[in-house]
Amino acid sequence: MEVQGRIKVIGETQSFGSNGFRKREVVVTTEEQYPQTIMVEFVQDKTDLLNSYQVGQQVKININLRGREWVNPQGETKYFNSIQGWRIEVAQADASSPEMPPVPPAQAFEPASDLNEEDNDDLPF
């Protein structure tokens, strides 16, 4: 899966626990009819991927959705979701749809000059 948008916030790398677990968050705002502000976390060695990016850049982030279950001391079960990034790259601002090839300009076509109004033998009826 992927998320594409403009970087709004890049957080600092945070360390947790004695084993050195690292996490860094980036917030992107999608550019669609109803823009969404989405926080994506990068963990461990992936935190360094954000070093070369800046607020305002248009990016594409490959993500995994993660979920977990936790039972609190009172015995209640809670569920948590996270969006975890594993690759980030600069998005192409003028990327065309892959299904539609670019249309050449009108100057690339020659006008038809050999049309003959009476030559209509190629009609199937």
PDB file of N, CA and C in Angstrom:
ATOM      1  N   MET A   1       0.849  -1.168   0.000  1.00  0.00           N
ATOM      2  CA  MET A   1       0.000   0.000   0.000  1.00  0.00           C
ATOM      3  C   MET A   1       0.896   1.232   0.000  1.00  0.00           C
ATOM      4  N   GLU A   2       0.323   2.342  -0.388  1.00  0.00           N
ATOM      5  CA  GLU A   2       1.093   3.579  -0.372  1.00  0.00           C
ATOM      6  C   GLU A   2       0.219   4.771  -0.027  1.00  0.00           C
ATOM      7  N   VAL A   3       0.882   5.795   0.496  1.00  0.00           N
ATOM      8  CA  VAL A   3       0.259   7.072   0.821  1.00  0.00           C
ATOM      9  C   VAL A   3       1.051   8.129   0.061  1.00  0.00           C
ATOM     10  N   GLN A   4       0.335   9.044  -0.583  1.00  0.00           N
ATOM     11  CA  GLN A   4       1.006  10.109  -1.310  1.00  0.00           C
ATOM     12  C   GLN A   4       0.474  11.441  -0.820  1.00  0.00           C
ATOM     13  N   GLY A   5       1.374  12.368  -0.566  1.00  0.00           N
ATOM     14  CA  GLY A   5       0.960  13.679  -0.093  1.00  0.00           C
ATOM     15  C   GLY A   5       2.144  14.582   0.152  1.00  0.00           C
ATOM     16  N   ARG A   6       1.860  15.732   0.750  1.00  0.00           N
ATOM     17  CA  ARG A   6       2.884  16.743   1.034  1.00  0.00           C
ATOM     18  C   ARG A   6       3.257  16.645   2.513  1.00  0.00           C
ATOM     19  N   ILE A   7       4.560  16.644   2.802  1.00  0.00           N
ATOM     20  CA  ILE A   7       5.027  16.531   4.185  1.00  0.00           C
ATOM     21  C   ILE A   7       4.613  17.773   4.971  1.00  0.00           C
ATOM     22  N   LYS A   8       3.954  17.544   6.091  1.00  0.00           N
ATOM     23  CA  LYS A   8       3.523  18.625   6.977  1.00  0.00           C
ATOM     24  C   LYS A   8       4.445  18.740   8.193  1.00  0.00           C
ATOM     25  N   VAL A   9       4.859  17.590   8.748  1.00  0.00           N
ATOM     26  CA  VAL A   9       5.704  17.555   9.943  1.00  0.00           C
ATOM     27  C   VAL A   9       6.651  16.366   9.830  1.00  0.00           C
ATOM     28  N   ILE A  10       7.905  16.579  10.216  1.00  0.00           N
ATOM     29  CA  ILE A  10       8.849  15.471  10.383  1.00  0.00           C
ATOM     30  C   ILE A  10       9.329  15.523  11.823  1.00  0.00           C
ATOM     31  N   GLY A  11       9.041  14.470  12.568  1.00  0.00           N
ATOM     32  CA  GLY A  11       9.416  14.434  13.980  1.00  0.00           C
ATOM     33  C   GLY A  11      10.861  14.014  14.184  1.00  0.00           C
ATOM     34  N   GLU A  12      11.330  14.204  15.401  1.00  0.00           N
ATOM     35  CA  GLU A  12      12.672  13.763  15.786  1.00  0.00           C
ATOM     36  C   GLU A  12      12.632  12.266  16.083  1.00  0.00           C
ATOM     37  N   THR A  13      13.782  11.627  15.979  1.00  0.00           N
ATOM     38  CA  THR A  13      13.879  10.211  16.319  1.00  0.00           C
ATOM     39  C   THR A  13      13.758  10.058  17.834  1.00  0.00           C
ATOM     40  N   GLN A  14      12.902   9.133  18.252  1.00  0.00           N
ATOM     41  CA  GLN A  14      12.689   8.863  19.676  1.00  0.00           C
ATOM     42  C   GLN A  14      13.206   7.469  19.989  1.00  0.00           C
ATOM     43  N   SER A  15      13.798   7.300  21.170  1.00  0.00           N
ATOM     44  CA  SER A  15      14.263   5.988  21.624  1.00  0.00           C
ATOM     45  C   SER A  15      13.451   5.567  22.834  1.00  0.00           C
ATOM     46  N   PHE A  16      13.129   4.272  22.890  1.00  0.00           N
ATOM     47  CA  PHE A  16      12.312   3.741  23.976  1.00  0.00           C
ATOM     48  C   PHE A  16      12.973   2.497  24.560  1.00  0.00           C
ATOM     49  N   GLY A  17      12.889   2.374  25.880  1.00  0.00           N
ATOM     50  CA  GLY A  17      13.352   1.161  26.554  1.00  0.00           C
ATOM     51  C   GLY A  17      14.860   0.982  26.532  1.00  0.00           C
ATOM     52  N   SER A  18      15.308  -0.062  27.211  1.00  0.00           N
ATOM     53  CA  SER A  18      16.741  -0.334  27.330  1.00  0.00           C
ATOM     54  C   SER A  18      17.310  -1.029  26.090  1.00  0.00           C
ATOM     55  N   ASN A  19      16.431  -1.563  25.248  1.00  0.00           N
ATOM     56  CA  ASN A  19      16.921  -2.259  24.052  1.00  0.00           C
ATOM     57  C   ASN A  19      17.121  -1.312  22.867  1.00  0.00           C
ATOM     58  N   GLY A  20      16.840  -0.011  23.039  1.00  0.00           N
ATOM     59  CA  GLY A  20      17.118   0.976  22.005  1.00  0.00           C
ATOM     60  C   GLY A  20      16.121   1.008  20.856  1.00  0.00           C
ATOM     61  N   PHE A  21      14.867   0.672  21.097  1.00  0.00           N
ATOM     62  CA  PHE A  21      13.845   0.753  20.046  1.00  0.00           C
ATOM     63  C   PHE A  21      13.720   2.207  19.603  1.00  0.00           C
ATOM     64  N   ARG A  22      13.776   2.439  18.279  1.00  0.00           N
ATOM     65  CA  ARG A  22      13.720   3.805  17.736  1.00  0.00           C
ATOM     66  C   ARG A  22      12.482   3.967  16.871  1.00  0.00           C
ATOM     67  N   LYS A  23      11.912   5.183  16.934  1.00  0.00           N
ATOM     68  CA  LYS A  23      10.728   5.508  16.147  1.00  0.00           C
ATOM     69  C   LYS A  23      10.814   6.960  15.714  1.00  0.00           C
ATOM     70  N   ARG A  24      10.349   7.220  14.482  1.00  0.00           N
ATOM     71  CA  ARG A  24      10.294   8.594  13.975  1.00  0.00           C
ATOM     72  C   ARG A  24       9.009   8.729  13.168  1.00  0.00           C
ATOM     73  N   GLU A  25       8.306   9.829  13.372  1.00  0.00           N
ATOM     74  CA  GLU A  25       7.015  10.033  12.732  1.00  0.00           C
ATOM     75  C   GLU A  25       7.076  11.143  11.693  1.00  0.00           C
ATOM     76  N   VAL A  26       6.314  10.949  10.626  1.00  0.00           N
ATOM     77  CA  VAL A  26       6.162  11.972   9.600  1.00  0.00           C
ATOM     78  C   VAL A  26       4.661  12.126   9.358  1.00  0.00           C
ATOM     79  N   VAL A  27       4.224  13.353   9.163  1.00  0.00           N
ATOM     80  CA  VAL A  27       2.811  13.626   8.893  1.00  0.00           C
ATOM     81  C   VAL A  27       2.716  14.153   7.471  1.00  0.00           C
ATOM     82  N   VAL A  28       1.850  13.530   6.664  1.00  0.00           N
ATOM     83  CA  VAL A  28       1.629  13.995   5.296  1.00  0.00           C
ATOM     84  C   VAL A  28       0.162  14.360   5.127  1.00  0.00           C
ATOM     85  N   THR A  29      -0.079  15.336   4.274  1.00  0.00           N
ATOM     86  CA  THR A  29      -1.438  15.737   3.933  1.00  0.00           C
ATOM     87  C   THR A  29      -1.670  15.338   2.482  1.00  0.00           C
ATOM     88  N   THR A  30      -2.690  14.514   2.274  1.00  0.00           N
ATOM     89  CA  THR A  30      -2.987  14.068   0.914  1.00  0.00           C
ATOM     90  C   THR A  30      -3.585  15.213   0.121  1.00  0.00           C
ATOM     91  N   GLU A  31      -3.464  15.132  -1.190  1.00  0.00           N
ATOM     92  CA  GLU A  31      -4.010  16.168  -2.062  1.00  0.00           C
ATOM     93  C   GLU A  31      -5.088  15.528  -2.921  1.00  0.00           C
ATOM     94  N   GLU A  32      -6.281  15.475  -2.375  1.00  0.00           N
ATOM     95  CA  GLU A  32      -7.431  14.901  -3.053  1.00  0.00           C
ATOM     96  C   GLU A  32      -8.651  15.755  -2.718  1.00  0.00           C
ATOM     97  N   GLN A  33      -9.815  15.340  -3.152  1.00  0.00           N
ATOM     98  CA  GLN A  33     -11.009  16.157  -2.921  1.00  0.00           C
ATOM     99  C   GLN A  33     -11.209  16.443  -1.432  1.00  0.00           C
ATOM    100  N   TYR A  34     -11.011  15.425  -0.602  1.00  0.00           N
ATOM    101  CA  TYR A  34     -11.122  15.585   0.848  1.00  0.00           C
ATOM    102  C   TYR A  34      -9.756  15.243   1.454  1.00  0.00           C
ATOM    103  N   PRO A  35      -8.844  16.226   1.560  1.00  0.00           N
ATOM    104  CA  PRO A  35      -7.484  15.947   2.047  1.00  0.00           C
ATOM    105  C   PRO A  35      -7.500  15.317   3.432  1.00  0.00           C
ATOM    106  N   GLN A  36      -6.584  14.366   3.621  1.00  0.00           N
ATOM    107  CA  GLN A  36      -6.439  13.673   4.888  1.00  0.00           C
ATOM    108  C   GLN A  36      -5.052  13.967   5.444  1.00  0.00           C
ATOM    109  N   THR A  37      -4.972  14.133   6.758  1.00  0.00           N
ATOM    110  CA  THR A  37      -3.687  14.319   7.436  1.00  0.00           C
ATOM    111  C   THR A  37      -3.359  12.989   8.090  1.00  0.00           C
ATOM    112  N   ILE A  38      -2.284  12.363   7.609  1.00  0.00           N
ATOM    113  CA  ILE A  38      -1.965  10.991   8.014  1.00  0.00           C
ATOM    114  C   ILE A  38      -0.582  10.941   8.635  1.00  0.00           C
ATOM    115  N   MET A  39      -0.491  10.333   9.823  1.00  0.00           N
ATOM    116  CA  MET A  39       0.781  10.156  10.502  1.00  0.00           C
ATOM    117  C   MET A  39       1.299   8.754  10.178  1.00  0.00           C
ATOM    118  N   VAL A  40       2.554   8.694   9.710  1.00  0.00           N
ATOM    119  CA  VAL A  40       3.205   7.425   9.381  1.00  0.00           C
ATOM    120  C   VAL A  40       4.439   7.321  10.252  1.00  0.00           C
ATOM    121  N   GLU A  41       4.646   6.153  10.853  1.00  0.00           N
ATOM    122  CA  GLU A  41       5.823   5.976  11.698  1.00  0.00           C
ATOM    123  C   GLU A  41       6.844   5.087  11.000  1.00  0.00           C
ATOM    124  N   PHE A  42       8.102   5.466  11.159  1.00  0.00           N
ATOM    125  CA  PHE A  42       9.221   4.668  10.677  1.00  0.00           C
ATOM    126  C   PHE A  42       9.952   4.163  11.911  1.00  0.00           C
ATOM    127  N   VAL A  43      10.324   2.882  11.944  1.00  0.00           N
ATOM    128  CA  VAL A  43      10.946   2.310  13.138  1.00  0.00           C
ATOM    129  C   VAL A  43      12.324   1.736  12.824  1.00  0.00           C
ATOM    130  N   GLN A  44      13.120   1.637  13.893  1.00  0.00           N
ATOM    131  CA  GLN A  44      14.468   1.083  13.874  1.00  0.00           C
ATOM    132  C   GLN A  44      15.337   1.738  12.797  1.00  0.00           C
ATOM    133  N   ASP A  45      15.955   0.963  11.906  1.00  0.00           N
ATOM    134  CA  ASP A  45      16.858   1.527  10.904  1.00  0.00           C
ATOM    135  C   ASP A  45      16.132   2.345   9.841  1.00  0.00           C
ATOM    136  N   LYS A  46      14.819   2.204   9.723  1.00  0.00           N
ATOM    137  CA  LYS A  46      14.049   2.974   8.734  1.00  0.00           C
ATOM    138  C   LYS A  46      13.889   4.439   9.136  1.00  0.00           C
ATOM    139  N   THR A  47      14.191   4.779  10.396  1.00  0.00           N
ATOM    140  CA  THR A  47      14.082   6.184  10.819  1.00  0.00           C
ATOM    141  C   THR A  47      15.039   7.075  10.022  1.00  0.00           C
ATOM    142  N   ASP A  48      16.165   6.523   9.602  1.00  0.00           N
ATOM    143  CA  ASP A  48      17.157   7.294   8.848  1.00  0.00           C
ATOM    144  C   ASP A  48      16.679   7.660   7.447  1.00  0.00           C
ATOM    145  N   LEU A  49      15.665   6.982   6.934  1.00  0.00           N
ATOM    146  CA  LEU A  49      15.142   7.290   5.603  1.00  0.00           C
ATOM    147  C   LEU A  49      14.590   8.710   5.513  1.00  0.00           C
ATOM    148  N   LEU A  50      14.172   9.270   6.645  1.00  0.00           N
ATOM    149  CA  LEU A  50      13.571  10.604   6.647  1.00  0.00           C
ATOM    150  C   LEU A  50      14.600  11.728   6.676  1.00  0.00           C
ATOM    151  N   ASN A  51      15.870  11.408   6.843  1.00  0.00           N
ATOM    152  CA  ASN A  51      16.909  12.437   6.985  1.00  0.00           C
ATOM    153  C   ASN A  51      17.000  13.386   5.797  1.00  0.00           C
ATOM    154  N   SER A  52      16.730  12.911   4.585  1.00  0.00           N
ATOM    155  CA  SER A  52      16.922  13.751   3.398  1.00  0.00           C
ATOM    156  C   SER A  52      15.638  14.422   2.918  1.00  0.00           C
ATOM    157  N   TYR A  53      14.607  14.426   3.737  1.00  0.00           N
ATOM    158  CA  TYR A  53      13.329  15.039   3.338  1.00  0.00           C
ATOM    159  C   TYR A  53      13.040  16.265   4.189  1.00  0.00           C
ATOM    160  N   GLN A  54      12.233  17.181   3.607  1.00  0.00           N
ATOM    161  CA  GLN A  54      11.912  18.429   4.281  1.00  0.00           C
ATOM    162  C   GLN A  54      10.408  18.671   4.242  1.00  0.00           C
ATOM    163  N   VAL A  55       9.951  19.483   5.163  1.00  0.00           N
ATOM    164  CA  VAL A  55       8.550  19.904   5.195  1.00  0.00           C
ATOM    165  C   VAL A  55       8.221  20.584   3.867  1.00  0.00           C
ATOM    166  N   GLY A  56       7.078  20.249   3.299  1.00  0.00           N
ATOM    167  CA  GLY A  56       6.634  20.849   2.044  1.00  0.00           C
ATOM    168  C   GLY A  56       6.877  19.980   0.827  1.00  0.00           C
ATOM    169  N   GLN A  57       7.738  18.967   0.947  1.00  0.00           N
ATOM    170  CA  GLN A  57       8.008  18.102  -0.198  1.00  0.00           C
ATOM    171  C   GLN A  57       6.834  17.176  -0.474  1.00  0.00           C
ATOM    172  N   GLN A  58       6.615  16.900  -1.758  1.00  0.00           N
ATOM    173  CA  GLN A  58       5.600  15.948  -2.201  1.00  0.00           C
ATOM    174  C   GLN A  58       6.261  14.566  -2.211  1.00  0.00           C
ATOM    175  N   VAL A  59       5.693  13.600  -1.453  1.00  0.00           N
ATOM    176  CA  VAL A  59       6.312  12.285  -1.329  1.00  0.00           C
ATOM    177  C   VAL A  59       5.303  11.160  -1.523  1.00  0.00           C
ATOM    178  N   LYS A  60       5.869   9.993  -1.810  1.00  0.00           N
ATOM    179  CA  LYS A  60       5.092   8.752  -1.863  1.00  0.00           C
ATOM    180  C   LYS A  60       5.724   7.820  -0.843  1.00  0.00           C
ATOM    181  N   ILE A  61       4.916   7.303   0.083  1.00  0.00           N
ATOM    182  CA  ILE A  61       5.411   6.445   1.154  1.00  0.00           C
ATOM    183  C   ILE A  61       4.763   5.073   1.025  1.00  0.00           C
ATOM    184  N   ASN A  62       5.603   4.036   0.950  1.00  0.00           N
ATOM    185  CA  ASN A  62       5.090   2.669   0.977  1.00  0.00           C
ATOM    186  C   ASN A  62       4.869   2.287   2.429  1.00  0.00           C
ATOM    187  N   ILE A  63       3.695   1.728   2.713  1.00  0.00           N
ATOM    188  CA  ILE A  63       3.308   1.478   4.108  1.00  0.00           C
ATOM    189  C   ILE A  63       2.822   0.056   4.317  1.00  0.00           C
ATOM    190  N   ASN A  64       2.831  -0.349   5.579  1.00  0.00           N
ATOM    191  CA  ASN A  64       2.162  -1.553   6.046  1.00  0.00           C
ATOM    192  C   ASN A  64       1.218  -1.125   7.164  1.00  0.00           C
ATOM    193  N   LEU A  65       0.038  -1.703   7.193  1.00  0.00           N
ATOM    194  CA  LEU A  65      -0.891  -1.469   8.306  1.00  0.00           C
ATOM    195  C   LEU A  65      -0.589  -2.507   9.367  1.00  0.00           C
ATOM    196  N   ARG A  66      -0.432  -2.060  10.591  1.00  0.00           N
ATOM    197  CA  ARG A  66      -0.130  -2.954  11.709  1.00  0.00           C
ATOM    198  C   ARG A  66      -1.236  -2.842  12.744  1.00  0.00           C
ATOM    199  N   GLY A  67      -1.546  -3.937  13.378  1.00  0.00           N
ATOM    200  CA  GLY A  67      -2.552  -3.943  14.431  1.00  0.00           C
ATOM    201  C   GLY A  67      -2.124  -4.866  15.556  1.00  0.00           C
ATOM    202  N   ARG A  68      -2.560  -4.550  16.759  1.00  0.00           N
ATOM    203  CA  ARG A  68      -2.233  -5.420  17.891  1.00  0.00           C
ATOM    204  C   ARG A  68      -3.332  -5.359  18.942  1.00  0.00           C
ATOM    205  N   GLU A  69      -3.347  -6.373  19.748  1.00  0.00           N
ATOM    206  CA  GLU A  69      -4.313  -6.505  20.828  1.00  0.00           C
ATOM    207  C   GLU A  69      -3.561  -6.380  22.148  1.00  0.00           C
ATOM    208  N   TRP A  70      -4.185  -5.697  23.119  1.00  0.00           N
ATOM    209  CA  TRP A  70      -3.580  -5.528  24.427  1.00  0.00           C
ATOM    210  C   TRP A  70      -4.667  -5.696  25.481  1.00  0.00           C
ATOM    211  N   VAL A  71      -4.369  -6.450  26.520  1.00  0.00           N
ATOM    212  CA  VAL A  71      -5.303  -6.641  27.635  1.00  0.00           C
ATOM    213  C   VAL A  71      -4.769  -5.845  28.817  1.00  0.00           C
ATOM    214  N   ASN A  72      -5.570  -4.868  29.282  1.00  0.00           N
ATOM    215  CA  ASN A  72      -5.119  -4.017  30.389  1.00  0.00           C
ATOM    216  C   ASN A  72      -5.234  -4.765  31.722  1.00  0.00           C
ATOM    217  N   PRO A  73      -4.706  -4.189  32.805  1.00  0.00           N
ATOM    218  CA  PRO A  73      -4.742  -4.872  34.104  1.00  0.00           C
ATOM    219  C   PRO A  73      -6.151  -5.195  34.612  1.00  0.00           C
ATOM    220  N   GLN A  74      -7.167  -4.468  34.107  1.00  0.00           N
ATOM    221  CA  GLN A  74      -8.549  -4.754  34.514  1.00  0.00           C
ATOM    222  C   GLN A  74      -9.167  -5.869  33.671  1.00  0.00           C
ATOM    223  N   GLY A  75      -8.409  -6.406  32.742  1.00  0.00           N
ATOM    224  CA  GLY A  75      -8.905  -7.507  31.914  1.00  0.00           C
ATOM    225  C   GLY A  75      -9.631  -7.062  30.651  1.00  0.00           C
ATOM    226  N   GLU A  76      -9.679  -5.763  30.370  1.00  0.00           N
ATOM    227  CA  GLU A  76     -10.333  -5.260  29.158  1.00  0.00           C
ATOM    228  C   GLU A  76      -9.377  -5.368  27.976  1.00  0.00           C
ATOM    229  N   THR A  77      -9.907  -5.820  26.863  1.00  0.00           N
ATOM    230  CA  THR A  77      -9.099  -5.945  25.659  1.00  0.00           C
ATOM    231  C   THR A  77      -9.197  -4.672  24.845  1.00  0.00           C
ATOM    232  N   LYS A  78      -8.043  -4.158  24.436  1.00  0.00           N
ATOM    233  CA  LYS A  78      -7.961  -2.958  23.617  1.00  0.00           C
ATOM    234  C   LYS A  78      -7.255  -3.322  22.309  1.00  0.00           C
ATOM    235  N   TYR A  79      -7.597  -2.600  21.246  1.00  0.00           N
ATOM    236  CA  TYR A  79      -6.983  -2.832  19.938  1.00  0.00           C
ATOM    237  C   TYR A  79      -6.358  -1.545  19.435  1.00  0.00           C
ATOM    238  N   PHE A  80      -5.170  -1.667  18.856  1.00  0.00           N
ATOM    239  CA  PHE A  80      -4.435  -0.517  18.356  1.00  0.00           C
ATOM    240  C   PHE A  80      -4.007  -0.765  16.915  1.00  0.00           C
ATOM    241  N   ASN A  81      -4.045   0.284  16.116  1.00  0.00           N
ATOM    242  CA  ASN A  81      -3.586   0.223  14.731  1.00  0.00           C
ATOM    243  C   ASN A  81      -2.469   1.232  14.546  1.00  0.00           C
ATOM    244  N   SER A  82      -1.561   0.937  13.630  1.00  0.00           N
ATOM    245  CA  SER A  82      -0.522   1.896  13.271  1.00  0.00           C
ATOM    246  C   SER A  82      -0.232   1.766  11.783  1.00  0.00           C
ATOM    247  N   ILE A  83       0.284   2.851  11.240  1.00  0.00           N
ATOM    248  CA  ILE A  83       0.688   2.889   9.841  1.00  0.00           C
ATOM    249  C   ILE A  83       2.206   2.984   9.858  1.00  0.00           C
ATOM    250  N   GLN A  84       2.854   1.952   9.324  1.00  0.00           N
ATOM    251  CA  GLN A  84       4.304   1.875   9.399  1.00  0.00           C
ATOM    252  C   GLN A  84       4.911   2.005   8.000  1.00  0.00           C
ATOM    253  N   GLY A  85       5.777   2.992   7.835  1.00  0.00           N
ATOM    254  CA  GLY A  85       6.436   3.210   6.558  1.00  0.00           C
ATOM    255  C   GLY A  85       7.685   2.365   6.422  1.00  0.00           C
ATOM    256  N   TRP A  86       7.956   1.924   5.201  1.00  0.00           N
ATOM    257  CA  TRP A  86       9.189   1.161   4.961  1.00  0.00           C
ATOM    258  C   TRP A  86       9.976   1.681   3.764  1.00  0.00           C
ATOM    259  N   ARG A  87       9.394   2.611   2.989  1.00  0.00           N
ATOM    260  CA  ARG A  87      10.114   3.271   1.905  1.00  0.00           C
ATOM    261  C   ARG A  87       9.461   4.617   1.661  1.00  0.00           C
ATOM    262  N   ILE A  88      10.291   5.615   1.299  1.00  0.00           N
ATOM    263  CA  ILE A  88       9.777   6.951   0.992  1.00  0.00           C
ATOM    264  C   ILE A  88      10.557   7.460  -0.207  1.00  0.00           C
ATOM    265  N   GLU A  89       9.851   8.133  -1.112  1.00  0.00           N
ATOM    266  CA  GLU A  89      10.509   8.713  -2.281  1.00  0.00           C
ATOM    267  C   GLU A  89       9.779   9.974  -2.695  1.00  0.00           C
ATOM    268  N   VAL A  90      10.489  10.833  -3.415  1.00  0.00           N
ATOM    269  CA  VAL A  90       9.882  12.063  -3.915  1.00  0.00           C
ATOM    270  C   VAL A  90       8.849  11.676  -4.963  1.00  0.00           C
ATOM    271  N   ALA A  91       7.652  12.232  -4.860  1.00  0.00           N
ATOM    272  CA  ALA A  91       6.585  11.935  -5.812  1.00  0.00           C
ATOM    273  C   ALA A  91       6.757  12.803  -7.046  1.00  0.00           C
ATOM    274  N   GLN A  92       6.395  12.276  -8.180  1.00  0.00           N
ATOM    275  CA  GLN A  92       6.430  13.044  -9.424  1.00  0.00           C
ATOM    276  C   GLN A  92       5.231  13.970  -9.427  1.00  0.00           C
ATOM    277  N   ALA A  93       5.459  15.262  -9.489  1.00  0.00           N
ATOM    278  CA  ALA A  93       4.379  16.248  -9.417  1.00  0.00           C
ATOM    279  C   ALA A  93       3.434  16.155 -10.601  1.00  0.00           C
ATOM    280  N   ASP A  94       3.980  15.832 -11.781  1.00  0.00           N
ATOM    281  CA  ASP A  94       3.130  15.780 -12.965  1.00  0.00           C
ATOM    282  C   ASP A  94       2.971  14.362 -13.482  1.00  0.00           C
ATOM    283  N   ALA A  95       2.956  13.402 -12.562  1.00  0.00           N
ATOM    284  CA  ALA A  95       2.845  12.005 -12.987  1.00  0.00           C
ATOM    285  C   ALA A  95       1.519  11.762 -13.684  1.00  0.00           C
ATOM    286  N   SER A  96       1.604  11.219 -14.876  1.00  0.00           N
ATOM    287  CA  SER A  96       0.397  10.896 -15.638  1.00  0.00           C
ATOM    288  C   SER A  96      -0.113   9.538 -15.197  1.00  0.00           C
ATOM    289  N   SER A  97      -1.353   9.283 -15.487  1.00  0.00           N
ATOM    290  CA  SER A  97      -1.926   7.987 -15.185  1.00  0.00           C
ATOM    291  C   SER A  97      -1.224   6.930 -16.026  1.00  0.00           C
ATOM    292  N   PRO A  98      -0.808   5.797 -15.437  1.00  0.00           N
ATOM    293  CA  PRO A  98      -0.077   4.802 -16.208  1.00  0.00           C
ATOM    294  C   PRO A  98      -0.910   4.175 -17.324  1.00  0.00           C
ATOM    295  N   GLU A  99      -2.229   4.231 -17.235  1.00  0.00           N
ATOM    296  CA  GLU A  99      -3.073   3.653 -18.269  1.00  0.00           C
ATOM    297  C   GLU A  99      -3.145   4.537 -19.512  1.00  0.00           C
ATOM    298  N   MET A 100      -2.941   5.834 -19.343  1.00  0.00           N
ATOM    299  CA  MET A 100      -3.094   6.776 -20.449  1.00  0.00           C
ATOM    300  C   MET A 100      -1.732   7.309 -20.876  1.00  0.00           C
ATOM    301  N   PRO A 101      -1.277   6.985 -22.086  1.00  0.00           N
ATOM    302  CA  PRO A 101      -0.009   7.558 -22.537  1.00  0.00           C
ATOM    303  C   PRO A 101      -0.178   9.047 -22.815  1.00  0.00           C
ATOM    304  N   PRO A 102       0.898   9.811 -22.768  1.00  0.00           N
ATOM    305  CA  PRO A 102       0.773  11.244 -23.034  1.00  0.00           C
ATOM    306  C   PRO A 102       0.353  11.492 -24.477  1.00  0.00           C
ATOM    307  N   VAL A 103      -0.443  12.518 -24.689  1.00  0.00           N
ATOM    308  CA  VAL A 103      -0.935  12.867 -26.018  1.00  0.00           C
ATOM    309  C   VAL A 103       0.038  13.857 -26.641  1.00  0.00           C
ATOM    310  N   PRO A 104       0.525  13.558 -27.867  1.00  0.00           N
ATOM    311  CA  PRO A 104       1.453  14.499 -28.498  1.00  0.00           C
ATOM    312  C   PRO A 104       0.737  15.783 -28.902  1.00  0.00           C
ATOM    313  N   PRO A 105       1.464  16.888 -29.059  1.00  0.00           N
ATOM    314  CA  PRO A 105       0.825  18.148 -29.454  1.00  0.00           C
ATOM    315  C   PRO A 105       0.302  18.068 -30.887  1.00  0.00           C
ATOM    316  N   ALA A 106      -0.636  18.933 -31.213  1.00  0.00           N
ATOM    317  CA  ALA A 106      -1.274  18.927 -32.534  1.00  0.00           C
ATOM    318  C   ALA A 106      -0.261  19.152 -33.648  1.00  0.00           C
ATOM    319  N   GLN A 107       0.839  19.851 -33.372  1.00  0.00           N
ATOM    320  CA  GLN A 107       1.850  20.109 -34.391  1.00  0.00           C
ATOM    321  C   GLN A 107       2.553  18.828 -34.831  1.00  0.00           C
ATOM    322  N   ALA A 108       2.444  17.767 -34.056  1.00  0.00           N
ATOM    323  CA  ALA A 108       3.114  16.518 -34.400  1.00  0.00           C
ATOM    324  C   ALA A 108       2.390  15.755 -35.504  1.00  0.00           C
ATOM    325  N   PHE A 109       1.199  16.159 -35.848  1.00  0.00           N
ATOM    326  CA  PHE A 109       0.416  15.469 -36.882  1.00  0.00           C
ATOM    327  C   PHE A 109       0.396  16.287 -38.168  1.00  0.00           C
ATOM    328  N   GLU A 110       0.560  15.601 -39.292  1.00  0.00           N
ATOM    329  CA  GLU A 110       0.448  16.258 -40.593  1.00  0.00           C
ATOM    330  C   GLU A 110      -1.021  16.308 -40.983  1.00  0.00           C
ATOM    331  N   PRO A 111      -1.450  17.383 -41.625  1.00  0.00           N
ATOM    332  CA  PRO A 111      -2.830  17.411 -42.107  1.00  0.00           C
ATOM    333  C   PRO A 111      -2.986  16.421 -43.262  1.00  0.00           C
ATOM    334  N   ALA A 112      -4.144  15.794 -43.336  1.00  0.00           N
ATOM    335  CA  ALA A 112      -4.421  14.850 -44.415  1.00  0.00           C
ATOM    336  C   ALA A 112      -4.595  15.625 -45.714  1.00  0.00           C
ATOM    337  N   SER A 113      -3.824  15.245 -46.754  1.00  0.00           N
ATOM    338  CA  SER A 113      -3.894  15.980 -48.010  1.00  0.00           C
ATOM    339  C   SER A 113      -4.348  15.114 -49.168  1.00  0.00           C
ATOM    340  N   ASP A 114      -4.429  13.801 -48.970  1.00  0.00           N
ATOM    341  CA  ASP A 114      -4.778  12.913 -50.080  1.00  0.00           C
ATOM    342  C   ASP A 114      -6.205  12.369 -49.968  1.00  0.00           C
ATOM    343  N   LEU A 115      -7.085  13.143 -49.372  1.00  0.00           N
ATOM    344  CA  LEU A 115      -8.475  12.704 -49.253  1.00  0.00           C
ATOM    345  C   LEU A 115      -9.201  12.883 -50.575  1.00  0.00           C
ATOM    346  N   ASN A 116      -9.926  11.875 -50.977  1.00  0.00           N
ATOM    347  CA  ASN A 116     -10.693  11.926 -52.220  1.00  0.00           C
ATOM    348  C   ASN A 116     -12.139  11.646 -51.859  1.00  0.00           C
ATOM    349  N   GLU A 117     -12.997  12.595 -52.025  1.00  0.00           N
ATOM    350  CA  GLU A 117     -14.409  12.461 -51.654  1.00  0.00           C
ATOM    351  C   GLU A 117     -15.076  11.287 -52.366  1.00  0.00           C
ATOM    352  N   GLU A 118     -14.671  10.995 -53.597  1.00  0.00           N
ATOM    353  CA  GLU A 118     -15.339   9.929 -54.373  1.00  0.00           C
ATOM    354  C   GLU A 118     -14.779   8.557 -54.086  1.00  0.00           C
ATOM    355  N   ASP A 119     -13.657   8.448 -53.393  1.00  0.00           N
ATOM    356  CA  ASP A 119     -13.037   7.157 -53.123  1.00  0.00           C
ATOM    357  C   ASP A 119     -13.590   6.593 -51.823  1.00  0.00           C
ATOM    358  N   ASN A 120     -14.733   5.927 -51.916  1.00  0.00           N
ATOM    359  CA  ASN A 120     -15.382   5.377 -50.726  1.00  0.00           C
ATOM    360  C   ASN A 120     -15.586   3.867 -50.842  1.00  0.00           C
ATOM    361  N   ASP A 121     -14.689   3.182 -51.568  1.00  0.00           N
ATOM    362  CA  ASP A 121     -14.806   1.736 -51.755  1.00  0.00           C
ATOM    363  C   ASP A 121     -14.476   0.937 -50.517  1.00  0.00           C
ATOM    364  N   ASP A 122     -13.939   1.530 -49.494  1.00  0.00           N
ATOM    365  CA  ASP A 122     -13.546   0.772 -48.313  1.00  0.00           C
ATOM    366  C   ASP A 122     -14.673   0.588 -47.303  1.00  0.00           C
ATOM    367  N   LEU A 123     -15.860   1.050 -47.601  1.00  0.00           N
ATOM    368  CA  LEU A 123     -16.985   0.889 -46.693  1.00  0.00           C
ATOM    369  C   LEU A 123     -17.502  -0.537 -46.762  1.00  0.00           C
ATOM    370  N   PRO A 124     -17.845  -1.131 -45.601  1.00  0.00           N
ATOM    371  CA  PRO A 124     -18.271  -2.542 -45.588  1.00  0.00           C
ATOM    372  C   PRO A 124     -19.708  -2.747 -46.075  1.00  0.00           C
ATOM    373  N   PHE A 125     -20.446  -1.740 -46.435  1.00  0.00           N
ATOM    374  CA  PHE A 125     -21.832  -1.920 -46.887  1.00  0.00           C
ATOM    375  C   PHE A 125     -22.117  -1.208 -48.165  1.00  0.00           C
TER     376      PHE A 125
END
